[in-house]
PDB file of N, CA and C in Angstrom:
ATOM      1  N   MET A   1       0.844  -1.174   0.000  1.00  0.00           N
ATOM      2  CA  MET A   1       0.000   0.000   0.000  1.00  0.00           C
ATOM      3  C   MET A   1       0.891   1.239   0.000  1.00  0.00           C
ATOM      4  N   PRO A   2       0.654   2.140  -0.904  1.00  0.00           N
ATOM      5  CA  PRO A   2       1.470   3.367  -0.954  1.00  0.00           C
ATOM      6  C   PRO A   2       1.310   4.211   0.313  1.00  0.00           C
ATOM      7  N   VAL A   3       2.397   4.837   0.703  1.00  0.00           N
ATOM      8  CA  VAL A   3       2.383   5.751   1.841  1.00  0.00           C
ATOM      9  C   VAL A   3       2.882   7.115   1.384  1.00  0.00           C
ATOM     10  N   SER A   4       2.490   8.130   2.111  1.00  0.00           N
ATOM     11  CA  SER A   4       2.926   9.484   1.784  1.00  0.00           C
ATOM     12  C   SER A   4       4.134   9.853   2.621  1.00  0.00           C
ATOM     13  N   ILE A   5       5.040  10.597   2.005  1.00  0.00           N
ATOM     14  CA  ILE A   5       6.168  11.173   2.733  1.00  0.00           C
ATOM     15  C   ILE A   5       6.273  12.635   2.313  1.00  0.00           C
ATOM     16  N   SER A   6       6.993  13.379   3.084  1.00  0.00           N
ATOM     17  CA  SER A   6       7.244  14.763   2.687  1.00  0.00           C
ATOM     18  C   SER A   6       8.745  14.966   2.596  1.00  0.00           C
ATOM     19  N   LEU A   7       9.145  15.894   1.751  1.00  0.00           N
ATOM     20  CA  LEU A   7      10.561  16.190   1.618  1.00  0.00           C
ATOM     21  C   LEU A   7      10.738  17.655   1.252  1.00  0.00           C
ATOM     22  N   ARG A   8      11.903  18.143   1.509  1.00  0.00           N
ATOM     23  CA  ARG A   8      12.237  19.526   1.180  1.00  0.00           C
ATOM     24  C   ARG A   8      13.175  19.512  -0.011  1.00  0.00           C
ATOM     25  N   LEU A   9      12.855  20.332  -0.988  1.00  0.00           N
ATOM     26  CA  LEU A   9      13.681  20.448  -2.181  1.00  0.00           C
ATOM     27  C   LEU A   9      14.142  21.884  -2.342  1.00  0.00           C
ATOM     28  N   PRO A  10      15.351  22.069  -2.818  1.00  0.00           N
ATOM     29  CA  PRO A  10      15.771  23.429  -3.160  1.00  0.00           C
ATOM     30  C   PRO A  10      14.848  23.972  -4.259  1.00  0.00           C
ATOM     31  N   GLU A  11      14.635  25.237  -4.248  1.00  0.00           N
ATOM     32  CA  GLU A  11      13.732  25.875  -5.202  1.00  0.00           C
ATOM     33  C   GLU A  11      14.096  25.540  -6.646  1.00  0.00           C
ATOM     34  N   VAL A  12      15.380  25.527  -6.955  1.00  0.00           N
ATOM     35  CA  VAL A  12      15.812  25.246  -8.325  1.00  0.00           C
ATOM     36  C   VAL A  12      15.439  23.818  -8.732  1.00  0.00           C
ATOM     37  N   VAL A  13      15.530  22.870  -7.821  1.00  0.00           N
ATOM     38  CA  VAL A  13      15.168  21.486  -8.117  1.00  0.00           C
ATOM     39  C   VAL A  13      13.660  21.382  -8.340  1.00  0.00           C
ATOM     40  N   LEU A  14      12.896  22.051  -7.500  1.00  0.00           N
ATOM     41  CA  LEU A  14      11.450  22.056  -7.658  1.00  0.00           C
ATOM     42  C   LEU A  14      11.050  22.639  -9.013  1.00  0.00           C
ATOM     43  N   GLU A  15      11.694  23.712  -9.413  1.00  0.00           N
ATOM     44  CA  GLU A  15      11.396  24.320 -10.712  1.00  0.00           C
ATOM     45  C   GLU A  15      11.690  23.354 -11.859  1.00  0.00           C
ATOM     46  N   GLN A  16      12.820  22.660 -11.761  1.00  0.00           N
ATOM     47  CA  GLN A  16      13.174  21.679 -12.795  1.00  0.00           C
ATOM     48  C   GLN A  16      12.165  20.532 -12.811  1.00  0.00           C
ATOM     49  N   LEU A  17      11.779  20.084 -11.639  1.00  0.00           N
ATOM     50  CA  LEU A  17      10.803  19.007 -11.527  1.00  0.00           C
ATOM     51  C   LEU A  17       9.469  19.412 -12.135  1.00  0.00           C
ATOM     52  N   GLU A  18       9.024  20.613 -11.832  1.00  0.00           N
ATOM     53  CA  GLU A  18       7.756  21.103 -12.379  1.00  0.00           C
ATOM     54  C   GLU A  18       7.823  21.226 -13.896  1.00  0.00           C
ATOM     55  N   GLU A  19       8.954  21.666 -14.401  1.00  0.00           N
ATOM     56  CA  GLU A  19       9.133  21.804 -15.854  1.00  0.00           C
ATOM     57  C   GLU A  19       9.056  20.447 -16.544  1.00  0.00           C
ATOM     58  N   ILE A  20       9.749  19.466 -15.980  1.00  0.00           N
ATOM     59  CA  ILE A  20       9.737  18.124 -16.566  1.00  0.00           C
ATOM     60  C   ILE A  20       8.344  17.510 -16.465  1.00  0.00           C
ATOM     61  N   ALA A  21       7.678  17.722 -15.341  1.00  0.00           N
ATOM     62  CA  ALA A  21       6.320  17.191 -15.163  1.00  0.00           C
ATOM     63  C   ALA A  21       5.383  17.763 -16.219  1.00  0.00           C
ATOM     64  N   THR A  22       5.489  19.039 -16.459  1.00  0.00           N
ATOM     65  CA  THR A  22       4.638  19.684 -17.462  1.00  0.00           C
ATOM     66  C   THR A  22       4.961  19.158 -18.863  1.00  0.00           C
ATOM     67  N   GLU A  23       6.245  19.096 -19.194  1.00  0.00           N
ATOM     68  CA  GLU A  23       6.658  18.636 -20.524  1.00  0.00           C
ATOM     69  C   GLU A  23       6.275  17.182 -20.785  1.00  0.00           C
ATOM     70  N   SER A  24       6.350  16.359 -19.759  1.00  0.00           N
ATOM     71  CA  SER A  24       6.096  14.925 -19.940  1.00  0.00           C
ATOM     72  C   SER A  24       4.660  14.529 -19.610  1.00  0.00           C
ATOM     73  N   ASP A  25       3.867  15.498 -19.169  1.00  0.00           N
ATOM     74  CA  ASP A  25       2.473  15.244 -18.788  1.00  0.00           C
ATOM     75  C   ASP A  25       2.388  14.162 -17.713  1.00  0.00           C
ATOM     76  N   ARG A  26       3.285  14.249 -16.740  1.00  0.00           N
ATOM     77  CA  ARG A  26       3.330  13.347 -15.592  1.00  0.00           C
ATOM     78  C   ARG A  26       3.243  14.175 -14.318  1.00  0.00           C
ATOM     79  N   THR A  27       2.854  13.538 -13.238  1.00  0.00           N
ATOM     80  CA  THR A  27       2.811  14.254 -11.963  1.00  0.00           C
ATOM     81  C   THR A  27       4.212  14.304 -11.357  1.00  0.00           C
ATOM     82  N   LYS A  28       4.398  15.248 -10.477  1.00  0.00           N
ATOM     83  CA  LYS A  28       5.679  15.336  -9.770  1.00  0.00           C
ATOM     84  C   LYS A  28       5.890  14.076  -8.937  1.00  0.00           C
ATOM     85  N   SER A  29       4.820  13.573  -8.341  1.00  0.00           N
ATOM     86  CA  SER A  29       4.926  12.341  -7.537  1.00  0.00           C
ATOM     87  C   SER A  29       5.409  11.172  -8.382  1.00  0.00           C
ATOM     88  N   TYR A  30       4.874  11.060  -9.581  1.00  0.00           N
ATOM     89  CA  TYR A  30       5.289   9.983 -10.474  1.00  0.00           C
ATOM     90  C   TYR A  30       6.786  10.087 -10.776  1.00  0.00           C
ATOM     91  N   LEU A  31       7.241  11.279 -11.129  1.00  0.00           N
ATOM     92  CA  LEU A  31       8.652  11.469 -11.473  1.00  0.00           C
ATOM     93  C   LEU A  31       9.562  11.187 -10.282  1.00  0.00           C
ATOM     94  N   ILE A  32       9.170  11.632  -9.125  1.00  0.00           N
ATOM     95  CA  ILE A  32       9.973  11.385  -7.920  1.00  0.00           C
ATOM     96  C   ILE A  32      10.020   9.899  -7.623  1.00  0.00           C
ATOM     97  N   ARG A  33       8.859   9.213  -7.711  1.00  0.00           N
ATOM     98  CA  ARG A  33       8.802   7.772  -7.451  1.00  0.00           C
ATOM     99  C   ARG A  33       9.706   7.018  -8.425  1.00  0.00           C
ATOM    100  N   LYS A  34       9.627   7.362  -9.719  1.00  0.00           N
ATOM    101  CA  LYS A  34      10.457   6.685 -10.721  1.00  0.00           C
ATOM    102  C   LYS A  34      11.947   6.953 -10.488  1.00  0.00           C
ATOM    103  N   ALA A  35      12.277   8.175 -10.095  1.00  0.00           N
ATOM    104  CA  ALA A  35      13.681   8.508  -9.823  1.00  0.00           C
ATOM    105  C   ALA A  35      14.206   7.702  -8.637  1.00  0.00           C
ATOM    106  N   ILE A  36      13.398   7.559  -7.615  1.00  0.00           N
ATOM    107  CA  ILE A  36      13.815   6.782  -6.436  1.00  0.00           C
ATOM    108  C   ILE A  36      13.943   5.309  -6.800  1.00  0.00           C
ATOM    109  N   GLU A  37      12.990   4.781  -7.558  1.00  0.00           N
ATOM    110  CA  GLU A  37      13.067   3.382  -7.973  1.00  0.00           C
ATOM    111  C   GLU A  37      14.344   3.129  -8.767  1.00  0.00           C
ATOM    112  N   ARG A  38      14.649   4.031  -9.683  1.00  0.00           N
ATOM    113  CA  ARG A  38      15.856   3.889 -10.515  1.00  0.00           C
ATOM    114  C   ARG A  38      17.120   3.944  -9.656  1.00  0.00           C
ATOM    115  N   TYR A  39      17.140   4.876  -8.707  1.00  0.00           N
ATOM    116  CA  TYR A  39      18.287   4.998  -7.814  1.00  0.00           C
ATOM    117  C   TYR A  39      18.488   3.714  -7.023  1.00  0.00           C
ATOM    118  N   LEU A  40      17.409   3.163  -6.487  1.00  0.00           N
ATOM    119  CA  LEU A  40      17.512   1.947  -5.682  1.00  0.00           C
ATOM    120  C   LEU A  40      18.013   0.768  -6.511  1.00  0.00           C
ATOM    121  N   GLU A  41      17.561   0.658  -7.753  1.00  0.00           N
ATOM    122  CA  GLU A  41      18.055  -0.398  -8.639  1.00  0.00           C
ATOM    123  C   GLU A  41      19.546  -0.230  -8.901  1.00  0.00           C
ATOM    124  N   GLU A  42      19.955   0.971  -9.209  1.00  0.00           N
ATOM    125  CA  GLU A  42      21.364   1.227  -9.490  1.00  0.00           C
ATOM    126  C   GLU A  42      22.229   1.033  -8.248  1.00  0.00           C
ATOM    127  N   TYR A  43      21.699   1.429  -7.095  1.00  0.00           N
ATOM    128  CA  TYR A  43      22.451   1.257  -5.855  1.00  0.00           C
ATOM    129  C   TYR A  43      22.626  -0.231  -5.548  1.00  0.00           C
ATOM    130  N   ALA A  44      21.602  -1.029  -5.802  1.00  0.00           N
ATOM    131  CA  ALA A  44      21.704  -2.471  -5.581  1.00  0.00           C
ATOM    132  C   ALA A  44      22.793  -3.057  -6.479  1.00  0.00           C
ATOM    133  N   ASP A  45      22.827  -2.644  -7.744  1.00  0.00           N
ATOM    134  CA  ASP A  45      23.878  -3.105  -8.658  1.00  0.00           C
ATOM    135  C   ASP A  45      25.257  -2.674  -8.169  1.00  0.00           C
ATOM    136  N   TYR A  46      25.354  -1.453  -7.685  1.00  0.00           N
ATOM    137  CA  TYR A  46      26.615  -0.929  -7.146  1.00  0.00           C
ATOM    138  C   TYR A  46      27.085  -1.775  -5.962  1.00  0.00           C
ATOM    139  N   ARG A  47      26.160  -2.115  -5.063  1.00  0.00           N
ATOM    140  CA  ARG A  47      26.524  -2.904  -3.883  1.00  0.00           C
ATOM    141  C   ARG A  47      27.015  -4.296  -4.294  1.00  0.00           C
ATOM    142  N   ILE A  48      26.339  -4.893  -5.280  1.00  0.00           N
ATOM    143  CA  ILE A  48      26.763  -6.208  -5.762  1.00  0.00           C
ATOM    144  C   ILE A  48      28.180  -6.120  -6.325  1.00  0.00           C
ATOM    145  N   ALA A  49      28.425  -5.119  -7.140  1.00  0.00           N
ATOM    146  CA  ALA A  49      29.764  -4.943  -7.725  1.00  0.00           C
ATOM    147  C   ALA A  49      30.811  -4.720  -6.644  1.00  0.00           C
ATOM    148  N   LEU A  50      30.471  -3.894  -5.675  1.00  0.00           N
ATOM    149  CA  LEU A  50      31.416  -3.615  -4.590  1.00  0.00           C
ATOM    150  C   LEU A  50      31.691  -4.856  -3.756  1.00  0.00           C
ATOM    151  N   ASP A  51      30.634  -5.617  -3.457  1.00  0.00           N
ATOM    152  CA  ASP A  51      30.811  -6.860  -2.692  1.00  0.00           C
ATOM    153  C   ASP A  51      31.683  -7.846  -3.460  1.00  0.00           C
ATOM    154  N   ARG A  52      31.470  -7.941  -4.776  1.00  0.00           N
ATOM    155  CA  ARG A  52      32.279  -8.848  -5.588  1.00  0.00           C
ATOM    156  C   ARG A  52      33.731  -8.380  -5.640  1.00  0.00           C
ATOM    157  N   LEU A  53      33.921  -7.077  -5.690  1.00  0.00           N
ATOM    158  CA  LEU A  53      35.274  -6.533  -5.725  1.00  0.00           C
ATOM    159  C   LEU A  53      36.048  -6.897  -4.461  1.00  0.00           C
ATOM    160  N   HIS A  54      35.361  -6.897  -3.336  1.00  0.00           N
ATOM    161  CA  HIS A  54      36.004  -7.187  -2.054  1.00  0.00           C
ATOM    162  C   HIS A  54      36.017  -8.675  -1.697  1.00  0.00           C
ATOM    163  N   ASP A  55      35.389  -9.507  -2.512  1.00  0.00           N
ATOM    164  CA  ASP A  55      35.357 -10.945  -2.264  1.00  0.00           C
ATOM    165  C   ASP A  55      36.643 -11.567  -2.808  1.00  0.00           C
ATOM    166  N   LYS A  56      37.502 -11.972  -1.908  1.00  0.00           N
ATOM    167  CA  LYS A  56      38.797 -12.510  -2.317  1.00  0.00           C
ATOM    168  C   LYS A  56      38.665 -13.855  -3.031  1.00  0.00           C
ATOM    169  N   ASP A  57      37.532 -14.530  -2.879  1.00  0.00           N
ATOM    170  CA  ASP A  57      37.319 -15.819  -3.540  1.00  0.00           C
ATOM    171  C   ASP A  57      36.700 -15.662  -4.927  1.00  0.00           C
ATOM    172  N   ASP A  58      36.303 -14.451  -5.288  1.00  0.00           N
ATOM    173  CA  ASP A  58      35.686 -14.200  -6.583  1.00  0.00           C
ATOM    174  C   ASP A  58      36.802 -13.950  -7.602  1.00  0.00           C
ATOM    175  N   LYS A  59      36.924 -14.870  -8.537  1.00  0.00           N
ATOM    176  CA  LYS A  59      38.012 -14.791  -9.513  1.00  0.00           C
ATOM    177  C   LYS A  59      37.776 -13.629 -10.481  1.00  0.00           C
ATOM    178  N   ILE A  60      38.789 -12.845 -10.703  1.00  0.00           N
ATOM    179  CA  ILE A  60      38.733 -11.746 -11.670  1.00  0.00           C
ATOM    180  C   ILE A  60      39.224 -12.277 -12.999  1.00  0.00           C
ATOM    181  N   ILE A  61      38.439 -12.004 -14.056  1.00  0.00           N
ATOM    182  CA  ILE A  61      38.829 -12.464 -15.383  1.00  0.00           C
ATOM    183  C   ILE A  61      39.019 -11.258 -16.299  1.00  0.00           C
ATOM    184  N   SER A  62      39.768 -11.475 -17.356  1.00  0.00           N
ATOM    185  CA  SER A  62      40.025 -10.397 -18.314  1.00  0.00           C
ATOM    186  C   SER A  62      38.805 -10.205 -19.212  1.00  0.00           C
ATOM    187  N   SER A  63      38.777  -9.072 -19.893  1.00  0.00           N
ATOM    188  CA  SER A  63      37.674  -8.824 -20.834  1.00  0.00           C
ATOM    189  C   SER A  63      37.723  -9.844 -21.972  1.00  0.00           C
ATOM    190  N   LYS A  64      38.913 -10.254 -22.342  1.00  0.00           N
ATOM    191  CA  LYS A  64      39.061 -11.254 -23.403  1.00  0.00           C
ATOM    192  C   LYS A  64      38.421 -12.574 -22.967  1.00  0.00           C
ATOM    193  N   GLU A  65      38.694 -12.970 -21.743  1.00  0.00           N
ATOM    194  CA  GLU A  65      38.109 -14.208 -21.211  1.00  0.00           C
ATOM    195  C   GLU A  65      36.591 -14.082 -21.092  1.00  0.00           C
ATOM    196  N   LEU A  66      36.110 -12.919 -20.700  1.00  0.00           N
ATOM    197  CA  LEU A  66      34.668 -12.701 -20.590  1.00  0.00           C
ATOM    198  C   LEU A  66      33.996 -12.851 -21.955  1.00  0.00           C
ATOM    199  N   ARG A  67      34.576 -12.230 -22.985  1.00  0.00           N
ATOM    200  CA  ARG A  67      34.024 -12.355 -24.335  1.00  0.00           C
ATOM    201  C   ARG A  67      34.022 -13.822 -24.791  1.00  0.00           C
ATOM    202  N   LYS A  68      35.070 -14.521 -24.473  1.00  0.00           N
ATOM    203  CA  LYS A  68      35.169 -15.949 -24.833  1.00  0.00           C
ATOM    204  C   LYS A  68      34.060 -16.737 -24.153  1.00  0.00           C
ATOM    205  N   ARG A  69      33.844 -16.485 -22.875  1.00  0.00           N
ATOM    206  CA  ARG A  69      32.798 -17.202 -22.144  1.00  0.00           C
ATOM    207  C   ARG A  69      31.403 -16.856 -22.669  1.00  0.00           C
ATOM    208  N   LEU A  70      31.196 -15.573 -22.968  1.00  0.00           N
ATOM    209  CA  LEU A  70      29.896 -15.164 -23.475  1.00  0.00           C
ATOM    210  C   LEU A  70      29.628 -15.758 -24.848  1.00  0.00           C
ATOM    211  N   ALA A  71      30.654 -15.856 -25.674  1.00  0.00           N
ATOM    212  CA  ALA A  71      30.506 -16.434 -27.015  1.00  0.00           C
ATOM    213  C   ALA A  71      30.178 -17.913 -26.933  1.00  0.00           C
ATOM    214  N   SER A  72      30.720 -18.599 -25.941  1.00  0.00           N
ATOM    215  CA  SER A  72      30.484 -20.037 -25.815  1.00  0.00           C
ATOM    216  C   SER A  72      29.076 -20.345 -25.305  1.00  0.00           C
ATOM    217  N   GLU A  73      28.405 -19.338 -24.728  1.00  0.00           N
ATOM    218  CA  GLU A  73      27.034 -19.528 -24.226  1.00  0.00           C
ATOM    219  C   GLU A  73      26.006 -19.445 -25.337  1.00  0.00           C
ATOM    220  N   ASP A  74      26.372 -18.863 -26.467  1.00  0.00           N
ATOM    221  CA  ASP A  74      25.421 -18.717 -27.586  1.00  0.00           C
ATOM    222  C   ASP A  74      25.147 -19.985 -28.304  1.00  0.00           C
TER     223      ASP A  74
END
């Protein structure tokens, strides 16, 4: 179930948000929700990459080896 939150935005950000909402015929709430969803997805990917980087048991392979492995999957 959706919940309401409040937030404070700098005036310049609010103006940009209102402009995009008008141009795209979307509500400000919709744009904010989509921006947060996108951020959370990207942050999750970032955390996975960071965890893999710090995992000493995770073998690092070259781009050449990666291309070879990807080609063999086709």
